[in-house]
Amino acid sequence: MTSEPLLLLGCGKMGGALLRGWLDQKIAGGAGAPVHVIEPNAEAMREFAGAPGVSHVARAEDLPAGIKPGIVLLAVKPQMMDQGLATMTRIAAAKPLFLSIAAGKTLAYFARHLGADAAVVRSMPNTPASVGRGATVAVPNRHVGAARRSQADRLLGAVGEVHWVEDEGLLDAVTALSGGGPAYVFLLIEVLAQAGIDAGLPAELAKRLARTTVCGSGELARLSPEEPATLRQNVTSPGGTTLEALKVLMAPDGLQPLFTRAIAAATRRSRELAG
């Protein structure tokens, strides 16, 4: 990893998760690269107060004079990106790599704001990054060389898996699947618990069983070399209770067409927001 300074624009939930991952893995801070954070909300920086190699300012104008970061992570909300990039003129002149985690902001958008020759990686992480189990998909523009791509991969990989694509259009479906995916899983916990309550279980027991079952099954799926379909079959005894439930869930009007419609709707909305 380069020893060039890192600049983090925004330290909310996702920016904070990445900074935490960098510090934990010693990519940045301490003996790693120094990190300068621009974050107007002082409360968001509380857990990083006193962290070696991490400095914080509320405004870009308060950054040290002459700072030349090698990589700028853009972690502000999409609706705040115009305002955030307006403060990056001085930084952009030093030709850093810009690494965005903002949904809906395209490579063409960044070229308009940062210059046609700016090196930009657009990425879509998800919220399990906060516990080191994130899934991120990234796409570089043509100005990102192998070395810069490797640096971006290490920064994003501090909080989970990283997958690279060359077709930026795929990020709409990525946003729908893995970006929104945690919400769908949390909904699964909710509906499993409610179904258990409807079947007569005490509410607290149903909620605990649903949460633990989903979490345990996810960890089994992560660690097992077997396909999810095989894991499902391993739980399903011929003529048993699970099979009866799966007949409902796997019916022509069951989960698959429902999720296909849901992901398609989210993909369409992602394209609308990007437009």
Protein backbone atom coordinates (compact mmCIF):
# COMPACT_ATOMS: atom_id res chain seq x y z
CA MET A 1 0.00 0.00 0.00
CA THR A 2 1.18 3.49 -0.79
CA SER A 3 2.36 5.74 2.03
CA GLU A 4 0.67 8.68 0.31
CA PRO A 5 -1.96 10.32 2.50
CA LEU A 6 -5.54 9.15 2.22
CA LEU A 7 -8.40 11.62 2.22
CA LEU A 8 -11.83 10.49 3.43
CA LEU A 9 -14.70 12.79 2.48
CA GLY A 10 -17.52 11.79 4.82
CA CYS A 11 -17.35 9.50 7.84
CA GLY A 12 -20.91 8.23 8.21
CA LYS A 13 -21.82 4.58 8.58
CA MET A 14 -20.03 3.34 5.47
CA GLY A 15 -17.12 5.77 5.56
CA GLY A 16 -16.64 4.95 9.22
CA ALA A 17 -16.76 1.22 8.53
CA LEU A 18 -14.02 1.58 5.93
CA LEU A 19 -11.86 3.74 8.18
CA ARG A 20 -12.27 1.19 10.98
CA GLY A 21 -11.23 -1.59 8.60
CA TRP A 22 -8.15 0.35 7.46
CA LEU A 23 -7.06 0.94 11.03
CA ASP A 24 -7.72 -2.64 12.11
CA GLN A 25 -5.65 -4.00 9.22
CA LYS A 26 -2.98 -1.31 9.62
CA ILE A 27 -3.49 -0.14 6.04
CA ALA A 28 -3.77 3.40 7.35
CA GLY A 29 -3.08 5.28 10.55
CA GLY A 30 -0.17 4.51 12.86
CA ALA A 31 2.52 2.90 10.73
CA GLY A 32 0.24 2.99 7.67
CA ALA A 33 -0.70 5.88 5.45
CA PRO A 34 -1.92 9.01 7.25
CA VAL A 35 -5.65 9.65 6.90
CA HIS A 36 -7.25 13.08 6.70
CA VAL A 37 -11.01 13.03 7.32
CA ILE A 38 -13.46 15.75 6.30
CA GLU A 39 -16.60 15.32 8.40
CA PRO A 40 -18.77 18.17 9.73
CA ASN A 41 -20.43 15.94 12.33
CA ALA A 42 -18.02 15.72 15.25
CA GLU A 43 -20.05 12.91 16.83
CA ALA A 44 -19.29 10.66 13.84
CA MET A 45 -15.57 11.00 14.63
CA ARG A 46 -15.85 10.20 18.34
CA GLU A 47 -14.64 6.59 18.10
CA PHE A 48 -11.60 7.69 16.07
CA ALA A 49 -10.53 10.45 18.43
CA GLY A 50 -6.87 10.00 19.22
CA ALA A 51 -6.33 7.27 16.63
CA PRO A 52 -2.69 7.48 15.47
CA GLY A 53 -2.31 8.86 11.98
CA VAL A 54 -5.92 10.08 11.72
CA SER A 55 -6.68 13.80 11.59
CA HIS A 56 -10.08 15.42 11.29
CA VAL A 57 -11.39 18.70 9.95
CA ALA A 58 -14.96 19.87 9.55
CA ARG A 59 -14.41 21.54 6.17
CA ALA A 60 -12.16 20.95 3.18
CA GLU A 61 -10.93 24.52 3.56
CA ASP A 62 -9.34 23.51 6.88
CA LEU A 63 -7.11 20.82 5.38
CA PRO A 64 -3.36 21.39 5.67
CA ALA A 65 -1.97 23.59 2.92
CA GLY A 66 -0.31 21.66 0.13
CA ILE A 67 -1.85 18.32 1.01
CA LYS A 68 -1.59 15.85 -1.89
CA PRO A 69 -3.49 12.66 -1.10
CA GLY A 70 -2.88 9.63 -3.25
CA ILE A 71 -6.44 8.40 -2.89
CA VAL A 72 -9.65 10.26 -2.07
CA LEU A 73 -12.55 8.17 -0.81
CA LEU A 74 -15.86 9.87 -1.58
CA ALA A 75 -18.24 8.65 1.13
CA VAL A 76 -20.86 11.39 1.29
CA LYS A 77 -24.50 10.73 0.49
CA PRO A 78 -25.38 10.97 -3.23
CA GLN A 79 -27.50 14.07 -2.67
CA MET A 80 -24.49 15.78 -1.05
CA MET A 81 -21.98 14.80 -3.72
CA ASP A 82 -22.26 17.99 -5.80
CA GLN A 83 -21.45 20.06 -2.73
CA GLY A 84 -18.65 17.72 -1.71
CA LEU A 85 -16.96 17.72 -5.12
CA ALA A 86 -17.12 21.50 -5.26
CA THR A 87 -14.56 21.53 -2.44
CA MET A 88 -12.22 19.13 -4.25
CA THR A 89 -10.85 21.49 -6.93
CA ARG A 90 -7.51 21.99 -5.16
CA ILE A 91 -7.24 18.27 -4.40
CA ALA A 92 -8.17 17.21 -7.95
CA ALA A 93 -5.27 19.24 -9.34
CA ALA A 94 -2.86 16.78 -7.67
CA LYS A 95 -4.36 13.92 -9.74
CA PRO A 96 -5.25 11.44 -6.97
CA LEU A 97 -7.39 8.35 -7.45
CA PHE A 98 -10.99 9.12 -6.57
CA LEU A 99 -12.82 6.15 -5.07
CA SER A 100 -16.59 6.60 -4.77
CA ILE A 101 -19.02 4.51 -2.75
CA ALA A 102 -22.05 6.68 -3.62
CA ALA A 103 -25.01 4.96 -5.24
CA GLY A 104 -26.18 6.32 -8.57
CA LYS A 105 -23.22 8.59 -9.29
CA THR A 106 -21.73 7.43 -12.58
CA LEU A 107 -18.23 7.62 -13.97
CA ALA A 108 -19.48 10.21 -16.46
CA TYR A 109 -20.81 12.29 -13.55
CA PHE A 110 -17.39 12.33 -11.90
CA ALA A 111 -15.70 13.18 -15.20
CA ARG A 112 -17.93 16.26 -15.46
CA HIS A 113 -17.08 17.41 -11.96
CA LEU A 114 -13.44 16.34 -11.61
CA GLY A 115 -12.18 16.54 -15.18
CA ALA A 116 -12.20 14.15 -18.11
CA ASP A 117 -8.76 12.80 -17.18
CA ALA A 118 -9.52 12.10 -13.51
CA ALA A 119 -8.85 8.54 -12.33
CA VAL A 120 -12.08 7.27 -10.77
CA VAL A 121 -13.27 3.97 -9.33
CA ARG A 122 -16.99 3.68 -8.72
CA SER A 123 -17.99 1.05 -6.18
CA MET A 124 -21.06 -0.29 -4.42
CA PRO A 125 -20.47 -1.78 -0.94
CA ASN A 126 -23.17 -2.94 1.46
CA THR A 127 -23.82 -2.49 5.15
CA PRO A 128 -22.33 -5.79 6.41
CA ALA A 129 -19.05 -3.95 5.79
CA SER A 130 -19.58 -2.62 9.31
CA VAL A 131 -18.76 -6.10 10.66
CA GLY A 132 -16.14 -7.01 8.05
CA ARG A 133 -18.54 -9.11 5.97
CA GLY A 134 -19.29 -6.67 3.18
CA ALA A 135 -19.67 -7.37 -0.53
CA THR A 136 -18.40 -4.67 -2.85
CA VAL A 137 -18.46 -4.46 -6.64
CA ALA A 138 -16.20 -1.90 -8.30
CA VAL A 139 -15.67 -0.55 -11.81
CA PRO A 140 -12.71 1.61 -12.88
CA ASN A 141 -12.60 4.24 -15.58
CA ARG A 142 -9.94 4.08 -18.28
CA HIS A 143 -7.52 6.30 -16.34
CA VAL A 144 -7.12 3.78 -13.49
CA GLY A 145 -3.94 1.75 -13.96
CA ALA A 146 -3.09 -1.61 -12.40
CA ALA A 147 -1.30 -0.09 -9.40
CA ARG A 148 -4.18 2.23 -8.51
CA ARG A 149 -6.70 -0.56 -8.98
CA SER A 150 -4.71 -2.74 -6.60
CA GLN A 151 -4.69 0.05 -4.01
CA ALA A 152 -8.45 0.52 -4.33
CA ASP A 153 -8.95 -3.24 -4.03
CA ARG A 154 -7.02 -3.33 -0.76
CA LEU A 155 -8.91 -0.37 0.70
CA LEU A 156 -12.31 -1.84 -0.20
CA GLY A 157 -11.21 -5.33 0.80
CA ALA A 158 -10.58 -4.18 4.37
CA VAL A 159 -14.30 -4.70 5.03
CA GLY A 160 -15.11 -7.80 2.98
CA GLU A 161 -15.10 -9.26 -0.53
CA VAL A 162 -14.37 -7.14 -3.61
CA HIS A 163 -15.45 -8.03 -7.14
CA TRP A 164 -14.45 -6.04 -10.23
CA VAL A 165 -16.46 -5.55 -13.41
CA GLU A 166 -15.73 -3.62 -16.59
CA ASP A 167 -19.36 -2.89 -17.50
CA GLU A 168 -20.60 -0.01 -15.37
CA GLY A 169 -24.19 -0.84 -16.27
CA LEU A 170 -23.99 -3.92 -14.06
CA LEU A 171 -23.85 -1.72 -10.97
CA ASP A 172 -27.60 -1.08 -11.19
CA ALA A 173 -28.29 -4.78 -10.67
CA VAL A 174 -25.52 -4.94 -8.06
CA THR A 175 -27.20 -2.10 -6.18
CA ALA A 176 -30.47 -4.01 -6.31
CA LEU A 177 -29.00 -7.37 -5.26
CA SER A 178 -26.19 -6.84 -2.77
CA GLY A 179 -26.64 -3.15 -2.02
CA GLY A 180 -30.24 -3.63 -0.93
CA GLY A 181 -29.80 -7.31 -0.07
CA PRO A 182 -29.27 -6.82 3.67
CA ALA A 183 -32.72 -5.21 3.89
CA TYR A 184 -34.27 -8.25 2.24
CA VAL A 185 -32.51 -10.58 4.69
CA PHE A 186 -33.63 -8.49 7.66
CA LEU A 187 -37.17 -8.65 6.27
CA LEU A 188 -36.81 -12.44 6.09
CA ILE A 189 -36.01 -12.46 9.82
CA GLU A 190 -39.10 -10.34 10.46
CA VAL A 191 -41.47 -12.50 8.43
CA LEU A 192 -40.06 -15.77 9.80
CA ALA A 193 -40.59 -14.49 13.32
CA GLN A 194 -44.14 -13.35 12.56
CA ALA A 195 -44.95 -16.70 10.96
CA GLY A 196 -43.70 -18.41 14.12
CA ILE A 197 -45.87 -16.13 16.25
CA ASP A 198 -48.86 -16.91 14.04
CA ALA A 199 -48.11 -20.62 14.56
CA GLY A 200 -48.34 -20.15 18.32
CA LEU A 201 -44.79 -19.44 19.48
CA PRO A 202 -44.17 -16.77 22.13
CA ALA A 203 -43.08 -13.56 20.40
CA GLU A 204 -39.62 -13.28 21.97
CA LEU A 205 -38.82 -16.92 21.28
CA ALA A 206 -39.96 -16.62 17.66
CA LYS A 207 -37.83 -13.51 17.13
CA ARG A 208 -34.76 -15.11 18.66
CA LEU A 209 -35.18 -18.35 16.68
CA ALA A 210 -35.65 -16.43 13.41
CA ARG A 211 -32.58 -14.24 13.97
CA THR A 212 -30.33 -17.10 15.04
CA THR A 213 -31.52 -19.39 12.25
CA VAL A 214 -30.89 -16.84 9.50
CA CYS A 215 -27.50 -15.84 10.92
CA GLY A 216 -26.41 -19.44 11.42
CA SER A 217 -27.58 -20.48 7.97
CA GLY A 218 -25.72 -17.57 6.40
CA GLU A 219 -22.51 -18.55 8.14
CA LEU A 220 -22.98 -22.17 7.05
CA ALA A 221 -23.50 -21.03 3.45
CA ARG A 222 -20.36 -18.87 3.69
CA LEU A 223 -18.14 -21.63 5.04
CA SER A 224 -19.52 -24.64 3.17
CA PRO A 225 -18.08 -25.66 -0.23
CA GLU A 226 -21.53 -26.96 -1.22
CA GLU A 227 -24.00 -25.01 -3.33
CA PRO A 228 -26.99 -23.44 -1.56
CA ALA A 229 -29.29 -25.85 -3.38
CA THR A 230 -27.38 -28.80 -1.89
CA LEU A 231 -27.50 -27.26 1.58
CA ARG A 232 -31.24 -26.82 1.17
CA GLN A 233 -31.66 -30.44 0.10
CA ASN A 234 -29.62 -31.58 3.12
CA VAL A 235 -32.26 -30.06 5.40
CA THR A 236 -35.20 -31.49 3.45
CA SER A 237 -36.27 -34.99 4.38
CA PRO A 238 -38.58 -36.82 1.94
CA GLY A 239 -42.14 -36.53 3.19
CA GLY A 240 -41.07 -34.30 6.08
CA THR A 241 -42.18 -30.94 7.43
CA THR A 242 -39.59 -28.84 5.60
CA LEU A 243 -40.69 -30.27 2.26
CA GLU A 244 -44.25 -29.14 2.92
CA ALA A 245 -43.06 -25.58 3.55
CA LEU A 246 -40.84 -25.63 0.45
CA LYS A 247 -43.79 -26.69 -1.70
CA VAL A 248 -45.30 -23.31 -0.84
CA LEU A 249 -42.09 -21.28 -1.08
CA MET A 250 -40.99 -22.88 -4.36
CA ALA A 251 -44.41 -22.84 -6.05
CA PRO A 252 -44.80 -20.97 -9.38
CA ASP A 253 -46.02 -17.96 -7.40
CA GLY A 254 -43.49 -18.44 -4.58
CA LEU A 255 -40.22 -16.77 -3.66
CA GLN A 256 -38.37 -16.88 -7.00
CA PRO A 257 -40.82 -14.82 -9.08
CA LEU A 258 -41.35 -12.50 -6.11
CA PHE A 259 -37.63 -11.83 -5.72
CA THR A 260 -37.14 -11.56 -9.49
CA ARG A 261 -39.75 -8.80 -9.58
CA ALA A 262 -38.26 -7.12 -6.53
CA ILE A 263 -34.71 -7.04 -7.91
CA ALA A 264 -35.99 -5.86 -11.29
CA ALA A 265 -37.86 -3.01 -9.61
CA ALA A 266 -34.80 -1.95 -7.63
CA THR A 267 -32.62 -2.18 -10.76
CA ARG A 268 -35.02 0.08 -12.67
CA ARG A 269 -34.99 2.59 -9.83
CA SER A 270 -31.19 2.60 -9.74
CA ARG A 271 -31.11 3.42 -13.46
CA GLU A 272 -33.63 6.22 -12.94
CA LEU A 273 -31.54 7.75 -10.16
CA ALA A 274 -28.39 7.54 -12.27
CA GLY A 275 -30.14 9.29 -15.14
